[in-house]
Amino acid sequence: MADIVPAPRVAILMGGRSAEREVSLNTGRQVADALESIGYETVCIDSGAPGFITALTEASPTVVFVCLHGRFGEDGTVQGMLELLDLPYVGSGVLASALAMDKVMSKHFFAQAGIPSPAYVHVRREEPPDIESITEKLGTKTVVKPASEGSAIGVTISHEPEELPSAIDEAFRFDDSVLVEEFVAGVEVTVGVIGNDELTALPTLEIVPEHEFYDYESKYVPGMSRHIIPARVSEEARSECQSLAIRAHRALGCRGMSRSDTIVNADGQVQMLEINTIPGMTKTSLLPDAARAAGIEFPQLCERLVELALEKR
């Protein structure tokens, strides 16, 4: 009689110290519940707690499921620690995580790979912004973002040049580096990508927020946004969204999973907004919804990500 191979023991890193701590705790709990429902042993570890590294090593996990969002989790820092500890982990490595987290660096790689993306100006804290020059290059309506934050934290839409200085100041509350981007009107379409070498683009998902844009509340409060699958754009535009998501995933060297946010304008042209290496995994999150539309229920999605983490070793 063949020996029964036990399911991998999964350590779930959650919480952390970023502005997205509460979302991360929610993500971690839901991932743990999903894996336990199909027979996995899990241990949840808060990386914001003292001694979490000791707790992690004492847990002796087969694999680590990183459920951290934002700084000190999604930016390559925790990934580097896990590399030093020689622990397999879900998601992208150090470099891809750092590049995806930094929206300005992502723009450089998108341009190098021929991936269209809205025009932008990079503003640094030590260099006073030239509002007139920014407006001349990008137009009167712009989107202002901290370069290295997630979940739309610190993001503002500036409708007129007069609003731009306060929008930049708001972004500087969260980062010393700020991205001012051309505003592109259109349908926001997100595409999840699953895989290491062989990649699968999930169905396109259209985001319809209750607010002016897909802000923090729209992302995490039930009823504040609608997810429409497939996106209400042409078949050609859907295909292009999926193609750009895979190209962005490869350009940055992502592994396991990613989620790319694109915008489709009235002419059907698609541009890349940004890519996320640790998408949210809550009940209102985009990647699980798109996976479900592809016939992959949440526990199976979590299991597949664990398998991909072990495969890349």
Protein backbone atom coordinates (compact mmCIF):
# COMPACT_ATOMS: atom_id res chain seq x y z
CA MET A 1 0.00 0.00 0.00
CA ALA A 2 1.45 3.37 -1.03
CA ASP A 3 2.39 5.86 1.64
CA ILE A 4 -0.02 8.77 2.00
CA VAL A 5 1.81 12.03 1.32
CA PRO A 6 0.66 14.72 3.78
CA ALA A 7 -0.50 18.05 2.40
CA PRO A 8 2.08 20.83 2.67
CA ARG A 9 2.17 22.81 5.92
CA VAL A 10 1.48 26.40 4.93
CA ALA A 11 2.61 29.41 6.95
CA ILE A 12 0.47 32.44 6.15
CA LEU A 13 2.24 35.76 6.57
CA MET A 14 -0.33 38.47 7.21
CA GLY A 15 -0.85 41.81 8.93
CA GLY A 16 2.46 43.60 8.72
CA ARG A 17 3.15 47.30 9.20
CA SER A 18 1.81 48.93 6.03
CA ALA A 19 -1.24 51.15 5.61
CA GLU A 20 -3.02 48.03 4.31
CA ARG A 21 -2.60 46.01 7.52
CA GLU A 22 -6.32 45.38 8.11
CA VAL A 23 -6.86 44.24 4.53
CA SER A 24 -3.89 41.89 4.87
CA LEU A 25 -5.30 40.36 8.05
CA ASN A 26 -8.61 39.77 6.26
CA THR A 27 -6.85 38.24 3.26
CA GLY A 28 -4.77 35.97 5.48
CA ARG A 29 -7.76 34.67 7.41
CA GLN A 30 -9.69 33.87 4.24
CA VAL A 31 -6.74 32.10 2.63
CA ALA A 32 -6.23 30.04 5.81
CA ASP A 33 -9.91 29.06 5.90
CA ALA A 34 -9.84 28.09 2.21
CA LEU A 35 -6.74 25.90 2.51
CA GLU A 36 -7.94 24.25 5.71
CA SER A 37 -11.26 23.40 4.01
CA ILE A 38 -9.38 21.15 1.57
CA GLY A 39 -7.11 19.51 4.12
CA TYR A 40 -4.08 21.77 4.44
CA GLU A 41 -2.48 22.51 7.80
CA THR A 42 -1.95 26.24 8.22
CA VAL A 43 -0.35 28.55 10.75
CA CYS A 44 -1.03 32.29 10.63
CA ILE A 45 1.85 34.62 11.50
CA ASP A 46 1.58 38.39 11.84
CA SER A 47 4.72 39.96 10.42
CA GLY A 48 3.93 43.10 12.37
CA ALA A 49 4.43 41.26 15.69
CA PRO A 50 7.78 41.12 17.52
CA GLY A 51 9.64 37.88 16.95
CA PHE A 52 7.67 36.90 13.84
CA ILE A 53 10.79 35.53 12.14
CA THR A 54 11.39 33.18 15.04
CA ALA A 55 7.74 32.13 14.92
CA LEU A 56 8.06 31.49 11.21
CA THR A 57 11.15 29.30 11.46
CA GLU A 58 9.74 27.38 14.43
CA ALA A 59 6.60 26.63 12.39
CA SER A 60 8.79 24.68 9.91
CA PRO A 61 6.46 25.32 6.96
CA THR A 62 6.69 23.54 3.64
CA VAL A 63 5.73 26.79 1.92
CA VAL A 64 4.87 30.37 2.89
CA PHE A 65 1.75 32.09 1.55
CA VAL A 66 2.50 35.81 1.58
CA CYS A 67 -0.72 37.72 2.24
CA LEU A 68 0.97 41.05 2.93
CA HIS A 69 -0.01 44.14 0.97
CA GLY A 70 1.97 47.34 0.48
CA ARG A 71 5.31 48.13 2.06
CA PHE A 72 7.29 45.45 3.90
CA GLY A 73 5.38 42.70 2.14
CA GLU A 74 4.64 43.38 -1.49
CA ASP A 75 7.84 45.31 -2.23
CA GLY A 76 10.45 42.54 -2.15
CA THR A 77 11.58 42.97 1.45
CA VAL A 78 9.80 39.92 2.87
CA GLN A 79 10.64 37.96 -0.27
CA GLY A 80 14.34 38.63 0.37
CA MET A 81 13.99 37.41 3.95
CA LEU A 82 12.31 34.21 2.76
CA GLU A 83 15.11 33.65 0.26
CA LEU A 84 17.66 33.94 3.09
CA LEU A 85 15.63 31.47 5.16
CA ASP A 86 15.45 29.13 2.13
CA LEU A 87 11.65 28.94 2.36
CA PRO A 88 9.50 28.54 -0.77
CA TYR A 89 6.81 31.21 -1.00
CA VAL A 90 3.78 32.11 -3.07
CA GLY A 91 4.22 34.87 -5.61
CA SER A 92 6.98 36.84 -7.29
CA GLY A 93 10.59 37.10 -6.24
CA VAL A 94 12.55 40.03 -4.85
CA LEU A 95 13.19 41.97 -8.05
CA ALA A 96 9.76 41.57 -9.66
CA SER A 97 8.05 42.46 -6.39
CA ALA A 98 10.14 45.64 -6.00
CA LEU A 99 9.64 46.70 -9.62
CA ALA A 100 5.88 46.17 -9.57
CA MET A 101 5.53 48.07 -6.29
CA ASP A 102 7.34 51.11 -7.69
CA LYS A 103 4.98 52.61 -10.27
CA VAL A 104 7.72 54.77 -11.80
CA MET A 105 10.08 51.83 -12.31
CA SER A 106 7.19 49.80 -13.74
CA LYS A 107 6.64 52.55 -16.31
CA HIS A 108 10.27 52.24 -17.45
CA PHE A 109 9.90 48.49 -17.95
CA PHE A 110 6.55 48.86 -19.71
CA ALA A 111 8.13 51.31 -22.15
CA GLN A 112 11.10 49.00 -22.77
CA ALA A 113 8.71 46.11 -23.49
CA GLY A 114 6.55 48.21 -25.81
CA ILE A 115 3.56 48.11 -23.45
CA PRO A 116 1.44 51.27 -23.87
CA SER A 117 0.83 53.23 -20.68
CA PRO A 118 -0.48 56.75 -19.95
CA ALA A 119 1.99 59.63 -20.12
CA TYR A 120 3.38 60.72 -16.75
CA VAL A 121 5.70 63.03 -14.82
CA HIS A 122 7.80 61.82 -11.91
CA VAL A 123 7.82 64.29 -9.00
CA ARG A 124 10.33 64.05 -6.12
CA ARG A 125 9.92 65.67 -2.73
CA GLU A 126 13.23 67.53 -2.98
CA GLU A 127 12.27 69.09 -6.34
CA PRO A 128 9.33 71.55 -6.28
CA PRO A 129 6.87 70.53 -9.02
CA ASP A 130 6.47 72.76 -12.06
CA ILE A 131 2.68 72.81 -12.30
CA GLU A 132 2.63 74.67 -15.60
CA SER A 133 5.04 72.20 -17.21
CA ILE A 134 3.11 69.18 -15.88
CA THR A 135 -0.18 70.56 -17.18
CA GLU A 136 1.34 71.31 -20.58
CA LYS A 137 2.56 67.72 -20.90
CA LEU A 138 -0.38 65.83 -19.36
CA GLY A 139 -3.41 68.06 -19.73
CA THR A 140 -5.58 69.70 -17.11
CA LYS A 141 -7.00 66.48 -15.61
CA THR A 142 -4.47 64.14 -14.03
CA VAL A 143 -4.16 61.24 -11.61
CA VAL A 144 -1.70 61.69 -8.74
CA LYS A 145 -0.29 58.62 -6.98
CA PRO A 146 2.38 57.82 -4.40
CA ALA A 147 4.95 55.80 -6.35
CA SER A 148 5.08 52.89 -3.90
CA GLU A 149 1.71 52.44 -2.23
CA GLY A 150 -1.16 50.09 -3.02
CA SER A 151 -4.95 49.99 -2.69
CA ALA A 152 -5.26 53.53 -4.11
CA ILE A 153 -3.90 54.95 -0.84
CA GLY A 154 -2.97 58.62 -1.34
CA VAL A 155 -4.40 58.67 -4.89
CA THR A 156 -6.25 61.80 -6.06
CA ILE A 157 -7.81 62.86 -9.33
CA SER A 158 -6.85 66.47 -10.03
CA HIS A 159 -9.50 68.07 -12.25
CA GLU A 160 -7.80 71.45 -12.73
CA PRO A 161 -4.20 72.69 -12.45
CA GLU A 162 -5.21 74.58 -9.30
CA GLU A 163 -5.95 71.24 -7.56
CA LEU A 164 -2.62 69.69 -8.52
CA PRO A 165 -0.41 71.09 -5.71
CA SER A 166 -2.71 69.79 -2.95
CA ALA A 167 -3.02 66.43 -4.72
CA ILE A 168 0.77 66.13 -4.86
CA ASP A 169 1.02 67.12 -1.20
CA GLU A 170 -1.49 64.38 -0.32
CA ALA A 171 0.61 61.81 -2.18
CA PHE A 172 3.74 63.04 -0.40
CA ARG A 173 2.12 62.07 2.89
CA PHE A 174 2.78 58.46 1.89
CA ASP A 175 5.91 58.58 -0.26
CA ASP A 176 8.85 60.79 -1.24
CA SER A 177 8.28 59.83 -4.88
CA VAL A 178 5.05 60.71 -6.70
CA LEU A 179 3.63 59.80 -10.10
CA VAL A 180 1.47 62.38 -11.89
CA GLU A 181 -0.27 60.60 -14.74
CA GLU A 182 -2.39 61.69 -17.69
CA PHE A 183 -6.07 60.99 -16.99
CA VAL A 184 -7.45 58.51 -19.51
CA ALA A 185 -11.23 58.19 -19.65
CA GLY A 186 -12.54 54.73 -20.34
CA VAL A 187 -13.49 51.34 -18.96
CA GLU A 188 -11.16 50.00 -16.26
CA VAL A 189 -10.45 46.33 -16.92
CA THR A 190 -8.38 44.10 -14.68
CA VAL A 191 -6.79 40.82 -15.75
CA GLY A 192 -5.37 38.16 -13.47
CA VAL A 193 -2.49 35.98 -14.64
CA ILE A 194 -1.69 32.58 -13.12
CA GLY A 195 1.44 30.51 -13.71
CA ASN A 196 5.23 30.38 -13.71
CA ASP A 197 6.54 29.48 -17.17
CA GLU A 198 3.21 28.62 -18.74
CA LEU A 199 0.85 31.54 -18.13
CA THR A 200 -2.95 31.67 -18.14
CA ALA A 201 -4.82 34.97 -18.39
CA LEU A 202 -8.08 34.88 -16.44
CA PRO A 203 -11.29 36.39 -17.87
CA THR A 204 -11.42 40.16 -18.13
CA LEU A 205 -13.18 41.90 -15.25
CA GLU A 206 -14.69 45.37 -15.56
CA ILE A 207 -14.66 47.51 -12.42
CA VAL A 208 -17.61 49.85 -11.85
CA PRO A 209 -16.97 51.84 -8.64
CA GLU A 210 -19.60 53.87 -6.82
CA HIS A 211 -17.05 56.68 -6.37
CA GLU A 212 -15.28 58.64 -9.11
CA PHE A 213 -12.52 56.04 -9.24
CA TYR A 214 -11.65 52.67 -7.71
CA ASP A 215 -10.48 54.00 -4.35
CA TYR A 216 -9.80 52.20 -1.05
CA GLU A 217 -13.47 52.11 -0.01
CA SER A 218 -14.53 50.87 -3.45
CA LYS A 219 -12.03 48.03 -3.19
CA TYR A 220 -12.91 46.70 0.24
CA VAL A 221 -16.42 47.75 1.26
CA PRO A 222 -19.12 45.39 -0.06
CA GLY A 223 -21.52 47.16 -2.40
CA MET A 224 -19.12 50.02 -3.25
CA SER A 225 -18.16 48.55 -6.62
CA ARG A 226 -19.48 46.07 -9.17
CA HIS A 227 -17.44 43.46 -10.98
CA ILE A 228 -18.65 42.62 -14.49
CA ILE A 229 -17.24 39.52 -16.22
CA PRO A 230 -16.45 39.62 -19.07
CA ALA A 231 -15.73 43.33 -19.37
CA ARG A 232 -18.16 45.28 -21.54
CA VAL A 233 -15.62 46.09 -24.24
CA SER A 234 -15.05 44.59 -27.69
CA GLU A 235 -13.66 41.08 -28.05
CA GLU A 236 -10.55 42.63 -29.59
CA ALA A 237 -10.07 44.89 -26.57
CA ARG A 238 -10.56 41.98 -24.15
CA SER A 239 -7.93 39.98 -25.99
CA GLU A 240 -5.55 42.95 -25.92
CA CYS A 241 -6.09 43.43 -22.16
CA GLN A 242 -5.17 39.78 -21.58
CA SER A 243 -2.18 40.02 -23.91
CA LEU A 244 -0.83 43.14 -22.16
CA ALA A 245 -1.31 41.49 -18.74
CA ILE A 246 0.82 38.51 -19.79
CA ARG A 247 3.43 40.78 -21.39
CA ALA A 248 3.64 42.91 -18.23
CA HIS A 249 3.91 39.79 -16.05
CA ARG A 250 6.83 38.58 -18.17
CA ALA A 251 8.48 42.01 -18.54
CA LEU A 252 8.82 42.38 -14.77
CA GLY A 253 9.67 38.71 -14.21
CA CYS A 254 6.61 37.88 -12.08
CA ARG A 255 5.86 34.35 -10.88
CA GLY A 256 2.83 32.53 -9.57
CA MET A 257 0.26 35.26 -9.99
CA SER A 258 -0.24 38.89 -10.88
CA ARG A 259 -3.13 41.21 -11.60
CA SER A 260 -2.83 43.94 -14.20
CA ASP A 261 -5.08 47.00 -14.31
CA THR A 262 -5.75 48.41 -17.76
CA ILE A 263 -7.92 51.14 -19.24
CA VAL A 264 -9.86 50.83 -22.52
CA ASN A 265 -10.75 54.19 -24.10
CA ALA A 266 -13.72 54.99 -26.32
CA ASP A 267 -11.76 54.00 -29.44
CA GLY A 268 -11.02 50.55 -28.00
CA GLN A 269 -7.34 51.33 -27.38
CA VAL A 270 -5.86 49.65 -24.30
CA GLN A 271 -3.23 51.06 -21.95
CA MET A 272 -1.56 49.49 -18.93
CA LEU A 273 -2.07 51.31 -15.63
CA GLU A 274 -0.18 49.11 -13.16
CA ILE A 275 0.54 45.54 -12.13
CA ASN A 276 0.07 43.96 -8.68
CA THR A 277 2.11 40.97 -7.51
CA ILE A 278 0.01 40.20 -4.41
CA PRO A 279 -3.60 40.93 -5.36
CA GLY A 280 -6.22 41.05 -2.65
CA MET A 281 -7.77 37.71 -1.73
CA THR A 282 -10.86 38.87 0.18
CA LYS A 283 -14.53 38.22 -0.65
CA THR A 284 -14.71 41.49 -2.63
CA SER A 285 -11.34 41.05 -4.39
CA LEU A 286 -10.86 40.94 -8.13
CA LEU A 287 -8.56 37.95 -8.71
CA PRO A 288 -10.81 35.42 -6.90
CA ASP A 289 -13.84 36.71 -8.81
CA ALA A 290 -12.08 36.31 -12.16
CA ALA A 291 -10.82 32.84 -11.19
CA ARG A 292 -14.35 31.81 -10.20
CA ALA A 293 -15.57 32.91 -13.64
CA ALA A 294 -12.94 30.58 -15.11
CA GLY A 295 -14.28 27.70 -13.02
CA ILE A 296 -11.68 27.90 -10.25
CA GLU A 297 -13.23 28.17 -6.79
CA PHE A 298 -11.34 30.03 -4.06
CA PRO A 299 -9.89 26.98 -2.23
CA GLN A 300 -8.63 25.54 -5.52
CA LEU A 301 -7.12 28.90 -6.46
CA CYS A 302 -5.21 29.02 -3.17
CA GLU A 303 -4.08 25.43 -3.66
CA ARG A 304 -2.88 26.16 -7.20
CA LEU A 305 -0.80 29.09 -5.93
CA VAL A 306 0.81 26.84 -3.31
CA GLU A 307 1.61 24.29 -6.03
CA LEU A 308 3.18 26.98 -8.20
CA ALA A 309 5.33 28.15 -5.27
CA LEU A 310 6.66 24.62 -4.77
CA GLU A 311 7.07 24.11 -8.53
CA LYS A 312 9.37 27.09 -8.95
CA ARG A 313 11.76 25.56 -6.42
